[in-house]
Amino acid sequence: MQILTPHVYWAQRHSEIFLRVDLSDAKDLDISVQENNTLQFKAQGHGAKGDNEYQFSLEFREPVRTEINHKSTQRQVDIKIRKQEERWWDRLTLQEKKPLFLAPDFDRWLDESDAEMELQAKEEEKINKISVESRVRKDPYLGLKRGYLFMYNLVQFLGFSWIFVNMTVRLFILGQDSFYDTFHTTADMMYFCQMMAVLEVINPLLGLVKTGFFPAMIQVAGRNVILFVIFGSLEEMQNKPVVFFVFYLWSTIEIFRYPFYMLACISTEWKLLTWLRYSLWIPLYPLGVLAEAVAVIQSLAIFDETRLFSVPLPALLGGSLSFSYTLQIYLVLMFLGLFINFRHLYKQRRRRFRSRKRKVQ
């Protein structure tokens, strides 16, 4: 008699294994872990071959505990098994070749780094449950730190809002003509905001915020190269339309990012603002980097012609080394930084919305 096997989907965390058996209206369940570290499953239900008895066995990659938690619903059987050791497995079964009936459960699937982030998020939730009073006693300067961060984000929000409103009004009044004098009308405020942004690199080093130092440094340094070196030092670049697009994309991102952080300082959240902060950057951030790359490419010929920032070479070699070669290397690093920052921000977004989903549940 042929043994019928149901479709089985699996996922893991550092301490647990999750199995989802595609068997509806299951009854007469017989599930156990044998001494040879093998899961035995047998049940009557409706599967791929209709109403029949289905069974399968899985010999796990590493030891598991014999206690099994399972739940049967009208659609499936959910099984949860704890590992003996809390560690990540490179595969589920002892045998390298995966059984044909076994597949990843993509609804619950996480890679190792994502699982570590989930653990970290759970730890952060535990920390957040500590009362405000106890945290104040442990850190007497907490109020001062929050006040500083609130004021910093408020000032940056007002600065970028001024730039955004100024550029929007001029665009409606002057149309495309506003592209050519963007730098002369907004550069002073952009200089101020971007010099202030250097504090975003210092704050993580001082432990004032939990964001990473490296992603902040990439963004701030990249923008300041564009602003001070490309636009600020080349008058020929200041009247180009690309300035408008770079400044407009920067300010659009920041008018949602800074108020989000500002409200976080007073433990307040607006769901719409949170969604905008973690969603708008997905199209805007790559577009901003693309606009910056266009600005760099347009400046190469100007640096070659003016020899500005060129490096003198020995007399034997003659001439000088144009700064444009440095910018070509920077152009490559810019897209590498885009990948690093995009990955960092995407993980932040996924962790934020997973945390909210758990709270709702």
Protein backbone atom coordinates (compact mmCIF):
# COMPACT_ATOMS: atom_id res chain seq x y z
CA MET A 1 0.00 0.00 0.00
CA GLN A 2 1.36 3.42 -0.97
CA ILE A 3 2.19 5.79 1.90
CA LEU A 4 0.69 9.24 1.30
CA THR A 5 2.67 12.27 2.47
CA PRO A 6 1.20 15.76 2.90
CA HIS A 7 2.94 18.97 1.88
CA VAL A 8 5.00 20.25 4.81
CA TYR A 9 6.39 23.80 5.13
CA TRP A 10 9.08 24.77 7.64
CA ALA A 11 10.77 27.79 9.16
CA GLN A 12 13.07 28.30 12.13
CA ARG A 13 14.27 30.69 14.79
CA HIS A 14 17.35 30.32 16.94
CA SER A 15 15.40 28.31 19.53
CA GLU A 16 12.42 26.84 17.65
CA ILE A 17 11.27 25.00 14.54
CA PHE A 18 7.89 25.71 12.94
CA LEU A 19 6.16 23.13 10.73
CA ARG A 20 2.96 23.72 8.79
CA VAL A 21 1.31 20.54 7.51
CA ASP A 22 -1.03 21.13 4.58
CA LEU A 23 -3.80 18.84 5.86
CA SER A 24 -7.31 20.17 6.41
CA ASP A 25 -9.85 18.77 8.88
CA ALA A 26 -7.15 16.58 10.40
CA LYS A 27 -8.14 14.03 13.05
CA ASP A 28 -6.62 11.03 14.85
CA LEU A 29 -3.36 12.96 15.13
CA ASP A 30 -0.32 10.95 16.18
CA ILE A 31 2.75 13.20 16.49
CA SER A 32 5.88 12.33 18.42
CA VAL A 33 9.66 12.75 18.52
CA GLN A 34 11.46 9.39 18.71
CA GLU A 35 14.73 8.64 20.49
CA ASN A 36 16.62 8.81 17.19
CA ASN A 37 15.69 12.51 16.92
CA THR A 38 13.02 11.78 14.30
CA LEU A 39 9.59 13.37 14.13
CA GLN A 40 6.81 10.91 13.30
CA PHE A 41 3.51 12.28 12.01
CA LYS A 42 0.33 10.36 11.18
CA ALA A 43 -3.21 11.71 10.77
CA GLN A 44 -6.45 11.32 8.86
CA GLY A 45 -7.46 14.35 6.81
CA HIS A 46 -7.92 16.02 3.45
CA GLY A 47 -4.65 16.55 1.59
CA ALA A 48 -3.30 16.51 -1.96
CA LYS A 49 -4.77 13.02 -2.53
CA GLY A 50 -8.16 13.75 -1.02
CA ASP A 51 -9.45 12.23 2.24
CA ASN A 52 -6.86 9.67 3.32
CA GLU A 53 -4.40 8.76 6.01
CA TYR A 54 -1.20 10.77 5.65
CA GLN A 55 2.14 10.29 7.36
CA PHE A 56 5.74 11.41 7.17
CA SER A 57 8.95 11.36 9.22
CA LEU A 58 11.78 13.89 9.54
CA GLU A 59 15.19 13.17 11.08
CA PHE A 60 16.34 16.56 12.33
CA ARG A 61 19.76 18.07 11.70
CA GLU A 62 20.45 18.44 15.43
CA PRO A 63 18.80 17.30 18.69
CA VAL A 64 15.39 18.66 19.62
CA ARG A 65 13.24 18.38 22.72
CA THR A 66 10.59 15.70 22.85
CA GLU A 67 7.82 18.09 23.93
CA ILE A 68 5.66 19.11 20.96
CA ASN A 69 3.15 21.93 20.68
CA HIS A 70 0.65 21.46 17.88
CA LYS A 71 -2.64 22.99 16.82
CA SER A 72 -5.06 21.66 14.24
CA THR A 73 -7.33 23.99 12.27
CA GLN A 74 -9.75 23.48 9.41
CA ARG A 75 -6.97 24.27 6.95
CA GLN A 76 -3.70 22.95 8.43
CA VAL A 77 -1.78 21.48 11.35
CA ASP A 78 0.76 23.79 13.02
CA ILE A 79 3.64 22.19 14.93
CA LYS A 80 6.24 23.93 17.09
CA ILE A 81 9.32 22.12 18.38
CA ARG A 82 12.07 23.53 20.58
CA LYS A 83 15.73 22.94 19.78
CA GLN A 84 18.03 21.48 22.43
CA GLU A 85 20.59 24.21 21.68
CA GLU A 86 19.69 27.76 20.67
CA ARG A 87 21.58 28.04 17.41
CA TRP A 88 20.92 28.52 13.70
CA TRP A 89 20.70 25.43 11.47
CA ASP A 90 21.93 25.49 7.91
CA ARG A 91 19.23 22.93 7.02
CA LEU A 92 16.37 21.12 8.73
CA THR A 93 17.13 17.46 8.15
CA LEU A 94 20.16 15.30 8.84
CA GLN A 95 20.28 14.15 5.26
CA GLU A 96 21.55 16.80 2.87
CA LYS A 97 18.97 16.04 0.19
CA LYS A 98 15.66 17.67 1.12
CA PRO A 99 12.56 15.41 1.07
CA LEU A 100 10.27 16.14 -1.87
CA PHE A 101 7.30 16.95 0.37
CA LEU A 102 9.25 19.58 2.37
CA ALA A 103 9.45 23.28 1.40
CA PRO A 104 10.21 26.63 3.12
CA ASP A 105 7.33 28.44 4.83
CA PHE A 106 7.86 31.87 3.27
CA ASP A 107 5.13 33.41 5.45
CA ARG A 108 7.37 32.83 8.48
CA TRP A 109 10.76 32.57 6.79
CA LEU A 110 13.63 34.71 8.10
CA ASP A 111 17.32 34.50 7.34
CA GLU A 112 19.78 34.41 10.24
CA SER A 113 20.37 38.17 10.38
CA ASP A 114 16.62 38.90 10.28
CA ALA A 115 16.05 36.40 13.10
CA GLU A 116 18.70 38.17 15.17
CA MET A 117 16.93 41.48 14.51
CA GLU A 118 13.66 39.92 15.67
CA LEU A 119 15.36 38.79 18.88
CA GLN A 120 16.75 42.28 19.33
CA ALA A 121 13.31 43.79 18.76
CA LYS A 122 11.86 41.53 21.45
CA GLU A 123 14.60 42.63 23.83
CA GLU A 124 13.84 46.27 23.03
CA GLU A 125 10.16 45.66 23.78
CA LYS A 126 11.11 44.28 27.19
CA ILE A 127 13.25 47.34 27.85
CA ASN A 128 10.42 49.65 26.77
CA LYS A 129 8.17 48.12 29.43
CA ILE A 130 10.37 49.56 32.15
CA SER A 131 8.69 52.55 33.74
CA VAL A 132 9.80 56.06 32.85
CA GLU A 133 10.55 56.75 36.51
CA SER A 134 13.01 53.88 36.81
CA ARG A 135 14.78 54.95 33.62
CA VAL A 136 15.12 58.49 34.90
CA ARG A 137 16.72 57.20 38.09
CA LYS A 138 19.25 55.21 36.08
CA ASP A 139 20.01 58.11 33.72
CA PRO A 140 19.56 61.50 35.39
CA TYR A 141 20.40 63.23 32.10
CA LEU A 142 17.69 61.48 30.09
CA GLY A 143 15.45 64.55 30.04
CA LEU A 144 18.34 66.75 28.92
CA LYS A 145 19.26 64.33 26.13
CA ARG A 146 15.67 64.13 24.93
CA GLY A 147 15.37 67.91 25.03
CA TYR A 148 18.52 68.30 22.93
CA LEU A 149 17.37 65.71 20.37
CA PHE A 150 13.88 67.26 20.22
CA MET A 151 15.31 70.74 19.54
CA TYR A 152 17.80 69.42 16.98
CA ASN A 153 15.08 67.61 15.00
CA LEU A 154 12.76 70.61 15.30
CA VAL A 155 15.39 73.00 13.90
CA GLN A 156 16.19 70.63 11.03
CA PHE A 157 12.49 70.16 10.29
CA LEU A 158 11.94 73.92 10.14
CA GLY A 159 15.02 74.42 7.95
CA PHE A 160 14.11 71.77 5.38
CA SER A 161 10.45 72.84 5.47
CA TRP A 162 11.53 76.38 4.54
CA ILE A 163 13.53 75.01 1.61
CA PHE A 164 10.68 72.75 0.47
CA VAL A 165 8.01 75.48 0.68
CA ASN A 166 10.26 78.07 -0.96
CA MET A 167 11.05 75.79 -3.89
CA THR A 168 7.42 74.66 -4.27
CA VAL A 169 6.05 78.22 -4.33
CA ARG A 170 8.69 79.36 -6.82
CA LEU A 171 7.95 76.33 -9.01
CA PHE A 172 4.24 77.22 -9.16
CA ILE A 173 4.93 80.90 -9.86
CA LEU A 174 7.93 80.70 -12.22
CA GLY A 175 7.62 77.20 -13.62
CA GLN A 176 10.82 75.81 -15.14
CA ASP A 177 12.58 79.16 -14.70
CA SER A 178 12.83 78.38 -10.99
CA PHE A 179 15.21 75.51 -11.81
CA TYR A 180 18.03 77.87 -12.70
CA ASP A 181 18.25 80.00 -9.54
CA THR A 182 17.52 77.34 -6.90
CA PHE A 183 21.04 77.50 -5.51
CA HIS A 184 21.05 81.29 -5.07
CA THR A 185 17.69 81.33 -3.27
CA THR A 186 18.07 78.33 -0.96
CA ALA A 187 21.80 77.58 -0.63
CA ASP A 188 22.30 79.47 2.64
CA MET A 189 19.60 77.48 4.43
CA MET A 190 20.84 74.22 2.88
CA TYR A 191 24.37 75.03 4.05
CA PHE A 192 23.04 75.54 7.57
CA CYS A 193 20.99 72.31 7.61
CA GLN A 194 23.81 70.18 6.22
CA MET A 195 26.37 71.58 8.65
CA MET A 196 23.92 70.81 11.45
CA ALA A 197 23.55 67.28 10.05
CA VAL A 198 27.14 66.54 11.10
CA LEU A 199 25.65 66.09 14.59
CA GLU A 200 23.89 62.97 13.27
CA VAL A 201 27.32 61.37 12.94
CA ILE A 202 28.37 62.50 16.42
CA ASN A 203 25.15 61.52 18.25
CA PRO A 204 25.60 57.73 17.79
CA LEU A 205 29.21 57.99 18.99
CA LEU A 206 28.01 59.70 22.17
CA GLY A 207 25.29 57.09 22.69
CA LEU A 208 22.49 59.65 22.32
CA VAL A 209 20.73 57.63 19.61
CA LYS A 210 20.68 53.93 18.71
CA THR A 211 21.12 54.39 14.95
CA GLY A 212 24.36 53.17 13.41
CA PHE A 213 27.33 55.47 12.96
CA PHE A 214 28.35 54.13 9.54
CA PRO A 215 25.03 54.65 7.66
CA ALA A 216 24.74 58.18 9.11
CA MET A 217 28.30 59.01 8.07
CA ILE A 218 27.69 57.75 4.50
CA GLN A 219 24.61 59.92 4.05
CA VAL A 220 25.96 63.09 5.66
CA ALA A 221 29.38 62.90 3.98
CA GLY A 222 27.81 62.10 0.61
CA ARG A 223 25.44 65.05 0.73
CA ASN A 224 28.15 67.45 1.91
CA VAL A 225 30.42 66.45 -0.98
CA ILE A 226 27.62 67.30 -3.41
CA LEU A 227 26.69 70.55 -1.64
CA PHE A 228 30.08 72.02 -0.74
CA VAL A 229 32.40 70.53 -3.36
CA ILE A 230 30.21 70.13 -6.47
CA PHE A 231 27.74 73.00 -6.08
CA GLY A 232 29.54 75.31 -3.68
CA SER A 233 32.93 75.45 -5.41
CA LEU A 234 31.77 75.49 -9.06
CA GLU A 235 29.78 78.54 -10.14
CA GLU A 236 29.09 76.78 -13.45
CA MET A 237 27.08 74.12 -11.57
CA GLN A 238 25.00 76.54 -9.52
CA ASN A 239 22.68 77.51 -12.39
CA LYS A 240 22.00 73.97 -13.59
CA PRO A 241 18.52 72.37 -13.16
CA VAL A 242 20.06 69.38 -11.37
CA VAL A 243 20.45 71.57 -8.27
CA PHE A 244 16.68 71.89 -8.07
CA PHE A 245 16.10 68.15 -8.22
CA VAL A 246 18.80 67.35 -5.65
CA PHE A 247 17.55 69.97 -3.16
CA TYR A 248 13.89 69.09 -3.70
CA LEU A 249 14.42 65.36 -3.16
CA TRP A 250 16.55 65.97 -0.05
CA SER A 251 13.98 68.30 1.53
CA THR A 252 11.03 66.02 0.66
CA ILE A 253 12.64 63.14 2.55
CA GLU A 254 13.59 65.25 5.55
CA ILE A 255 10.26 66.98 6.16
CA PHE A 256 8.89 63.56 7.15
CA ARG A 257 11.98 62.08 8.79
CA TYR A 258 12.71 64.85 11.29
CA PRO A 259 9.18 65.24 12.73
CA PHE A 260 9.06 61.44 13.17
CA TYR A 261 12.22 61.57 15.29
CA MET A 262 10.98 64.70 17.05
CA LEU A 263 7.78 62.97 18.21
CA ALA A 264 9.78 59.88 19.22
CA CYS A 265 11.65 62.07 21.72
CA ILE A 266 8.37 62.66 23.57
CA SER A 267 7.19 59.02 23.15
CA THR A 268 4.48 59.98 20.67
CA GLU A 269 3.65 58.33 17.37
CA TRP A 270 1.38 59.30 14.48
CA LYS A 271 0.67 56.23 12.38
CA LEU A 272 0.40 58.16 9.12
CA LEU A 273 3.70 59.95 9.77
CA THR A 274 5.36 56.62 10.64
CA TRP A 275 4.14 55.08 7.41
CA LEU A 276 5.33 58.09 5.37
CA ARG A 277 8.72 58.12 7.08
CA TYR A 278 9.33 54.41 6.38
CA SER A 279 7.73 54.29 2.91
CA LEU A 280 8.51 57.50 1.00
CA TRP A 281 12.27 56.94 1.12
CA ILE A 282 11.87 53.74 -0.96
CA PRO A 283 11.38 55.74 -4.22
CA LEU A 284 12.89 59.06 -3.07
CA TYR A 285 16.23 57.85 -1.73
CA PRO A 286 17.38 56.11 -4.96
CA LEU A 287 16.08 59.09 -6.98
CA GLY A 288 18.10 61.43 -4.76
CA VAL A 289 21.26 59.38 -5.30
CA LEU A 290 20.57 59.33 -9.05
CA ALA A 291 20.24 63.15 -9.08
CA GLU A 292 23.50 63.41 -7.09
CA ALA A 293 25.22 61.12 -9.63
CA VAL A 294 24.01 63.35 -12.49
CA ALA A 295 25.50 66.36 -10.68
CA VAL A 296 28.85 64.58 -10.28
CA ILE A 297 28.92 63.53 -13.96
CA GLN A 298 28.11 67.09 -15.10
CA SER A 299 30.93 68.47 -12.96
CA LEU A 300 33.67 66.18 -14.33
CA ALA A 301 34.32 68.24 -17.47
CA ILE A 302 34.32 71.46 -15.44
CA PHE A 303 36.95 70.13 -13.02
CA ASP A 304 39.04 68.97 -16.00
CA GLU A 305 38.82 72.40 -17.58
CA THR A 306 39.37 74.57 -14.48
CA ARG A 307 41.91 72.20 -12.85
CA LEU A 308 40.28 73.07 -9.51
CA PHE A 309 41.49 70.82 -6.65
CA SER A 310 43.88 69.09 -9.07
CA VAL A 311 46.96 67.44 -7.58
CA PRO A 312 50.34 68.65 -8.93
CA LEU A 313 52.52 65.85 -10.32
CA PRO A 314 56.34 65.67 -10.37
CA ALA A 315 58.04 67.47 -13.26
CA LEU A 316 58.97 64.17 -14.91
CA LEU A 317 55.32 63.20 -15.19
CA GLY A 318 54.22 66.67 -16.16
CA GLY A 319 50.92 68.46 -15.61
CA SER A 320 48.63 67.55 -12.74
CA LEU A 321 46.11 64.90 -11.73
CA SER A 322 42.57 66.19 -12.24
CA PHE A 323 40.12 66.05 -9.36
CA SER A 324 37.66 64.44 -11.76
CA TYR A 325 39.42 61.10 -11.29
CA THR A 326 38.67 61.28 -7.58
CA LEU A 327 35.03 62.02 -8.38
CA GLN A 328 34.84 59.00 -10.70
CA ILE A 329 35.95 56.79 -7.81
CA TYR A 330 33.48 58.62 -5.56
CA LEU A 331 30.72 57.86 -8.10
CA VAL A 332 31.32 54.13 -7.63
CA LEU A 333 31.40 54.51 -3.84
CA MET A 334 28.16 56.49 -4.01
CA PHE A 335 26.22 53.54 -5.42
CA LEU A 336 27.90 51.19 -2.94
CA GLY A 337 26.72 53.53 -0.18
CA LEU A 338 23.23 53.48 -1.72
CA PHE A 339 23.16 49.69 -1.38
CA ILE A 340 24.41 49.76 2.25
CA ASN A 341 22.02 52.50 3.34
CA PHE A 342 19.06 51.05 1.44
CA ARG A 343 19.58 47.66 3.11
CA HIS A 344 19.90 49.33 6.53
CA LEU A 345 16.76 51.43 6.06
CA TYR A 346 14.77 48.51 4.66
CA LYS A 347 15.59 46.39 7.72
CA GLN A 348 14.58 49.29 9.97
CA ARG A 349 11.27 49.53 8.12
CA ARG A 350 10.59 45.78 8.32
CA ARG A 351 11.46 45.67 12.02
CA ARG A 352 9.26 48.71 12.75
CA PHE A 353 6.16 47.26 11.08
CA ARG A 354 6.73 43.77 12.48
CA SER A 355 6.93 45.27 15.95
CA ARG A 356 3.66 47.14 15.38
CA LYS A 357 2.00 43.98 14.03
CA ARG A 358 2.98 42.05 17.15
CA LYS A 359 1.52 44.79 19.35
CA VAL A 360 -1.78 44.64 17.45
CA GLN A 361 -1.92 40.85 17.82
